[in-house]
Amino acid sequence: MIATTPKPPYYAVIFSSEVNQELEGYKEMSQQMVDLVKTQPGYLGHESAREELGITVSYWDSLDSIKKWKAVSEHLQAQKFGREKWYRAYKTRICLVERDYGFDSGLF
């Protein structure tokens, strides 16, 4: 589902990842992070897709909100497990969204 975001400017955190073959506990932790991030001040929504390359884009009202989310203890634990167990590689990019536009056919 495409996230509903406010009128720009706002921020996007793009998390791209490649997973290892060992994924025990990965889906459960991922769901915990989805549930937790929705409670964070400044969180605006997210979009995620996974095939060979996983990409999650989360949207935020400020750089301060992003910084605070990165420091949440449960999120720190998930980051640690990601580095130690689940990810072969990942990259995080933080961007200022200055403009957005879209289309919705209303058929779905």
N, C-alpha and C. Protein backbone atom coordinates (compact mmCIF):
# COMPACT_ATOMS: atom_id res chain seq x y z
N MET A 1 0.84 -1.17 0.00
CA MET A 1 0.00 0.00 0.00
C MET A 1 0.90 1.25 0.00
N ILE A 2 0.51 2.23 -0.76
CA ILE A 2 1.25 3.49 -0.82
C ILE A 2 0.89 4.33 0.40
N ALA A 3 1.90 4.81 1.10
CA ALA A 3 1.69 5.60 2.31
C ALA A 3 1.05 6.94 1.97
N THR A 4 0.18 7.39 2.84
CA THR A 4 -0.40 8.72 2.72
C THR A 4 0.52 9.68 3.48
N THR A 5 1.05 10.65 2.78
CA THR A 5 1.99 11.59 3.39
C THR A 5 1.44 13.01 3.29
N PRO A 6 1.93 13.88 4.17
CA PRO A 6 1.46 15.27 4.13
C PRO A 6 2.09 16.04 2.98
N LYS A 7 1.67 17.26 2.83
CA LYS A 7 2.29 18.14 1.85
C LYS A 7 3.76 18.33 2.22
N PRO A 8 4.68 18.23 1.24
CA PRO A 8 6.10 18.43 1.52
C PRO A 8 6.35 19.84 2.06
N PRO A 9 7.44 20.00 2.78
CA PRO A 9 8.55 19.06 2.93
C PRO A 9 8.33 18.09 4.09
N TYR A 10 8.91 16.93 3.94
CA TYR A 10 9.02 15.92 4.99
C TYR A 10 10.22 15.06 4.62
N TYR A 11 10.55 14.09 5.44
CA TYR A 11 11.75 13.29 5.22
C TYR A 11 11.41 11.84 4.89
N ALA A 12 12.28 11.22 4.12
CA ALA A 12 12.17 9.80 3.78
C ALA A 12 13.46 9.10 4.20
N VAL A 13 13.31 7.96 4.85
CA VAL A 13 14.45 7.10 5.16
C VAL A 13 14.29 5.87 4.27
N ILE A 14 15.27 5.66 3.39
CA ILE A 14 15.24 4.54 2.47
C ILE A 14 16.22 3.49 3.00
N PHE A 15 15.68 2.32 3.32
CA PHE A 15 16.49 1.22 3.85
C PHE A 15 16.47 0.10 2.82
N SER A 16 17.62 -0.13 2.16
CA SER A 16 17.76 -1.19 1.17
C SER A 16 18.60 -2.31 1.79
N SER A 17 18.16 -3.56 1.58
CA SER A 17 18.87 -4.66 2.23
C SER A 17 18.87 -5.92 1.39
N GLU A 18 19.92 -6.73 1.62
CA GLU A 18 20.02 -8.08 1.08
C GLU A 18 20.16 -9.01 2.28
N VAL A 19 19.30 -10.01 2.36
CA VAL A 19 19.31 -10.90 3.52
C VAL A 19 20.20 -12.11 3.27
N ASN A 20 20.66 -12.70 4.39
CA ASN A 20 21.36 -13.98 4.36
C ASN A 20 20.33 -15.09 4.21
N GLN A 21 20.82 -16.32 4.15
CA GLN A 21 19.89 -17.46 4.11
C GLN A 21 19.32 -17.77 5.49
N GLU A 22 20.04 -17.43 6.55
CA GLU A 22 19.58 -17.69 7.92
C GLU A 22 18.67 -16.55 8.36
N LEU A 23 17.37 -16.83 8.44
CA LEU A 23 16.40 -15.78 8.75
C LEU A 23 15.52 -16.11 9.96
N GLU A 24 16.00 -17.01 10.82
CA GLU A 24 15.22 -17.36 12.00
C GLU A 24 14.94 -16.11 12.84
N GLY A 25 13.67 -15.87 13.10
CA GLY A 25 13.24 -14.73 13.91
C GLY A 25 13.10 -13.43 13.15
N TYR A 26 13.48 -13.42 11.87
CA TYR A 26 13.47 -12.18 11.08
C TYR A 26 12.06 -11.63 10.89
N LYS A 27 11.13 -12.47 10.46
CA LYS A 27 9.76 -12.01 10.20
C LYS A 27 9.11 -11.49 11.48
N GLU A 28 9.34 -12.17 12.58
CA GLU A 28 8.76 -11.73 13.85
C GLU A 28 9.31 -10.37 14.27
N MET A 29 10.63 -10.21 14.15
CA MET A 29 11.25 -8.94 14.52
C MET A 29 10.78 -7.83 13.58
N SER A 30 10.67 -8.15 12.31
CA SER A 30 10.20 -7.16 11.34
C SER A 30 8.80 -6.67 11.71
N GLN A 31 7.92 -7.59 12.07
CA GLN A 31 6.56 -7.20 12.47
C GLN A 31 6.58 -6.38 13.75
N GLN A 32 7.43 -6.73 14.70
CA GLN A 32 7.56 -5.93 15.93
C GLN A 32 7.99 -4.51 15.61
N MET A 33 8.92 -4.36 14.67
CA MET A 33 9.39 -3.02 14.30
C MET A 33 8.30 -2.22 13.60
N VAL A 34 7.50 -2.88 12.76
CA VAL A 34 6.37 -2.20 12.11
C VAL A 34 5.39 -1.71 13.16
N ASP A 35 5.06 -2.56 14.11
CA ASP A 35 4.13 -2.18 15.17
C ASP A 35 4.70 -1.04 16.02
N LEU A 36 5.98 -1.11 16.33
CA LEU A 36 6.62 -0.11 17.18
C LEU A 36 6.78 1.23 16.47
N VAL A 37 7.20 1.22 15.22
CA VAL A 37 7.44 2.48 14.51
C VAL A 37 6.16 3.29 14.39
N LYS A 38 5.03 2.62 14.28
CA LYS A 38 3.75 3.33 14.16
C LYS A 38 3.42 4.14 15.39
N THR A 39 4.06 3.87 16.51
CA THR A 39 3.80 4.60 17.76
C THR A 39 4.78 5.75 17.97
N GLN A 40 5.74 5.92 17.08
CA GLN A 40 6.80 6.90 17.29
C GLN A 40 6.36 8.30 16.88
N PRO A 41 6.67 9.31 17.72
CA PRO A 41 6.37 10.69 17.35
C PRO A 41 7.08 11.06 16.05
N GLY A 42 6.37 11.70 15.15
CA GLY A 42 6.94 12.14 13.90
C GLY A 42 6.85 11.15 12.75
N TYR A 43 6.46 9.91 13.04
CA TYR A 43 6.31 8.89 12.00
C TYR A 43 5.08 9.21 11.15
N LEU A 44 5.24 9.17 9.82
CA LEU A 44 4.15 9.52 8.91
C LEU A 44 3.62 8.33 8.11
N GLY A 45 4.39 7.24 8.02
CA GLY A 45 3.97 6.08 7.24
C GLY A 45 5.18 5.39 6.63
N HIS A 46 4.92 4.27 5.95
CA HIS A 46 6.02 3.57 5.28
C HIS A 46 5.49 2.71 4.14
N GLU A 47 6.42 2.30 3.29
CA GLU A 47 6.15 1.38 2.19
C GLU A 47 7.30 0.37 2.17
N SER A 48 6.98 -0.87 1.82
CA SER A 48 8.01 -1.89 1.86
C SER A 48 7.77 -2.94 0.79
N ALA A 49 8.87 -3.43 0.21
CA ALA A 49 8.80 -4.51 -0.78
C ALA A 49 10.04 -5.38 -0.63
N ARG A 50 9.88 -6.68 -0.86
CA ARG A 50 11.02 -7.58 -0.76
C ARG A 50 10.94 -8.64 -1.84
N GLU A 51 11.96 -8.72 -2.60
CA GLU A 51 12.21 -9.82 -3.53
C GLU A 51 13.65 -10.23 -3.23
N GLU A 52 14.54 -10.10 -4.20
CA GLU A 52 15.95 -10.33 -3.94
C GLU A 52 16.53 -9.19 -3.12
N LEU A 53 16.04 -7.99 -3.41
CA LEU A 53 16.45 -6.79 -2.70
C LEU A 53 15.26 -6.26 -1.92
N GLY A 54 15.43 -6.02 -0.64
CA GLY A 54 14.36 -5.45 0.17
C GLY A 54 14.52 -3.94 0.24
N ILE A 55 13.42 -3.23 0.08
CA ILE A 55 13.43 -1.78 0.20
C ILE A 55 12.26 -1.35 1.07
N THR A 56 12.57 -0.63 2.13
CA THR A 56 11.56 -0.03 2.98
C THR A 56 11.82 1.46 3.01
N VAL A 57 10.78 2.23 2.75
CA VAL A 57 10.87 3.68 2.82
C VAL A 57 9.93 4.12 3.93
N SER A 58 10.48 4.78 4.94
CA SER A 58 9.64 5.34 6.00
C SER A 58 9.66 6.86 5.88
N TYR A 59 8.56 7.47 6.29
CA TYR A 59 8.40 8.92 6.14
C TYR A 59 8.28 9.56 7.51
N TRP A 60 8.92 10.72 7.66
CA TRP A 60 9.05 11.37 8.96
C TRP A 60 8.86 12.88 8.84
N ASP A 61 8.44 13.48 9.95
CA ASP A 61 8.23 14.93 9.94
C ASP A 61 9.50 15.74 10.16
N SER A 62 10.55 15.11 10.69
CA SER A 62 11.77 15.87 10.99
C SER A 62 12.98 14.94 11.11
N LEU A 63 14.15 15.52 11.00
CA LEU A 63 15.38 14.77 11.23
C LEU A 63 15.48 14.34 12.68
N ASP A 64 14.98 15.15 13.59
CA ASP A 64 15.00 14.80 15.02
C ASP A 64 14.18 13.54 15.28
N SER A 65 13.01 13.42 14.65
CA SER A 65 12.19 12.21 14.81
C SER A 65 12.92 10.97 14.30
N ILE A 66 13.62 11.10 13.19
CA ILE A 66 14.39 9.99 12.64
C ILE A 66 15.50 9.59 13.62
N LYS A 67 16.19 10.57 14.14
CA LYS A 67 17.28 10.31 15.10
C LYS A 67 16.75 9.60 16.35
N LYS A 68 15.61 10.03 16.84
CA LYS A 68 15.03 9.39 18.03
C LYS A 68 14.59 7.96 17.74
N TRP A 69 14.03 7.70 16.56
CA TRP A 69 13.64 6.34 16.20
C TRP A 69 14.86 5.43 16.14
N LYS A 70 15.94 5.91 15.57
CA LYS A 70 17.16 5.10 15.47
C LYS A 70 17.66 4.69 16.86
N ALA A 71 17.38 5.50 17.88
CA ALA A 71 17.89 5.25 19.23
C ALA A 71 16.92 4.48 20.14
N VAL A 72 15.73 4.12 19.66
CA VAL A 72 14.78 3.34 20.47
C VAL A 72 15.41 1.98 20.78
N SER A 73 15.39 1.57 22.04
CA SER A 73 16.13 0.37 22.46
C SER A 73 15.75 -0.88 21.67
N GLU A 74 14.47 -1.12 21.44
CA GLU A 74 14.06 -2.30 20.67
C GLU A 74 14.57 -2.20 19.22
N HIS A 75 14.60 -1.00 18.68
CA HIS A 75 15.11 -0.81 17.33
C HIS A 75 16.62 -1.04 17.29
N LEU A 76 17.31 -0.60 18.33
CA LEU A 76 18.75 -0.86 18.42
C LEU A 76 19.03 -2.36 18.44
N GLN A 77 18.20 -3.12 19.16
CA GLN A 77 18.38 -4.57 19.21
C GLN A 77 18.14 -5.19 17.83
N ALA A 78 17.10 -4.72 17.12
CA ALA A 78 16.82 -5.23 15.77
C ALA A 78 17.99 -4.91 14.83
N GLN A 79 18.57 -3.71 14.96
CA GLN A 79 19.71 -3.34 14.14
C GLN A 79 20.90 -4.28 14.40
N LYS A 80 21.12 -4.58 15.67
CA LYS A 80 22.22 -5.47 16.06
C LYS A 80 22.03 -6.87 15.45
N PHE A 81 20.80 -7.41 15.59
CA PHE A 81 20.52 -8.73 15.01
C PHE A 81 20.68 -8.69 13.49
N GLY A 82 20.25 -7.60 12.87
CA GLY A 82 20.39 -7.47 11.42
C GLY A 82 21.84 -7.58 10.99
N ARG A 83 22.72 -6.86 11.67
CA ARG A 83 24.14 -6.91 11.33
C ARG A 83 24.75 -8.28 11.62
N GLU A 84 24.36 -8.88 12.74
CA GLU A 84 24.98 -10.14 13.17
C GLU A 84 24.40 -11.38 12.49
N LYS A 85 23.09 -11.34 12.13
CA LYS A 85 22.43 -12.56 11.69
C LYS A 85 21.77 -12.48 10.32
N TRP A 86 21.03 -11.44 10.04
CA TRP A 86 20.10 -11.49 8.93
C TRP A 86 20.57 -10.84 7.64
N TYR A 87 21.35 -9.78 7.72
CA TYR A 87 21.70 -9.03 6.51
C TYR A 87 23.08 -9.38 5.98
N ARG A 88 23.14 -9.56 4.68
CA ARG A 88 24.41 -9.69 3.98
C ARG A 88 24.96 -8.29 3.72
N ALA A 89 24.02 -7.36 3.42
CA ALA A 89 24.39 -5.97 3.18
C ALA A 89 23.16 -5.10 3.36
N TYR A 90 23.38 -3.86 3.76
CA TYR A 90 22.28 -2.89 3.79
C TYR A 90 22.83 -1.49 3.63
N LYS A 91 21.94 -0.58 3.26
CA LYS A 91 22.30 0.82 3.12
C LYS A 91 21.09 1.64 3.53
N THR A 92 21.34 2.70 4.31
CA THR A 92 20.29 3.61 4.72
C THR A 92 20.57 4.97 4.12
N ARG A 93 19.55 5.56 3.54
CA ARG A 93 19.65 6.90 2.96
C ARG A 93 18.55 7.77 3.55
N ILE A 94 18.89 8.98 3.92
CA ILE A 94 17.92 9.92 4.48
C ILE A 94 17.79 11.09 3.52
N CYS A 95 16.56 11.38 3.12
CA CYS A 95 16.30 12.36 2.08
C CYS A 95 15.22 13.36 2.51
N LEU A 96 15.34 14.56 2.03
CA LEU A 96 14.30 15.57 2.19
C LEU A 96 13.39 15.48 0.97
N VAL A 97 12.12 15.26 1.20
CA VAL A 97 11.15 15.24 0.11
C VAL A 97 10.66 16.67 -0.07
N GLU A 98 10.96 17.23 -1.21
CA GLU A 98 10.58 18.61 -1.49
C GLU A 98 9.33 18.70 -2.35
N ARG A 99 9.03 17.61 -3.05
CA ARG A 99 7.88 17.61 -3.95
C ARG A 99 7.40 16.18 -4.08
N ASP A 100 6.09 15.99 -4.14
CA ASP A 100 5.53 14.69 -4.47
C ASP A 100 4.26 14.87 -5.27
N TYR A 101 3.92 13.85 -6.03
CA TYR A 101 2.68 13.86 -6.80
C TYR A 101 2.34 12.42 -7.12
N GLY A 102 1.12 12.16 -7.54
CA GLY A 102 0.76 10.78 -7.79
C GLY A 102 -0.55 10.64 -8.57
N PHE A 103 -1.00 9.42 -8.63
CA PHE A 103 -2.21 9.05 -9.35
C PHE A 103 -2.87 7.91 -8.59
N ASP A 104 -4.18 7.93 -8.52
CA ASP A 104 -4.94 6.85 -7.90
C ASP A 104 -6.18 6.66 -8.74
N SER A 105 -6.29 5.52 -9.40
CA SER A 105 -7.43 5.25 -10.28
C SER A 105 -8.71 5.04 -9.50
N GLY A 106 -8.57 4.73 -8.19
CA GLY A 106 -9.76 4.46 -7.38
C GLY A 106 -10.37 3.11 -7.64
N LEU A 107 -9.74 2.27 -8.45
CA LEU A 107 -10.30 0.96 -8.80
C LEU A 107 -9.98 -0.11 -7.77
N PHE A 108 -9.04 0.13 -6.90
CA PHE A 108 -8.64 -0.91 -5.95
C PHE A 108 -9.10 -0.53 -4.62
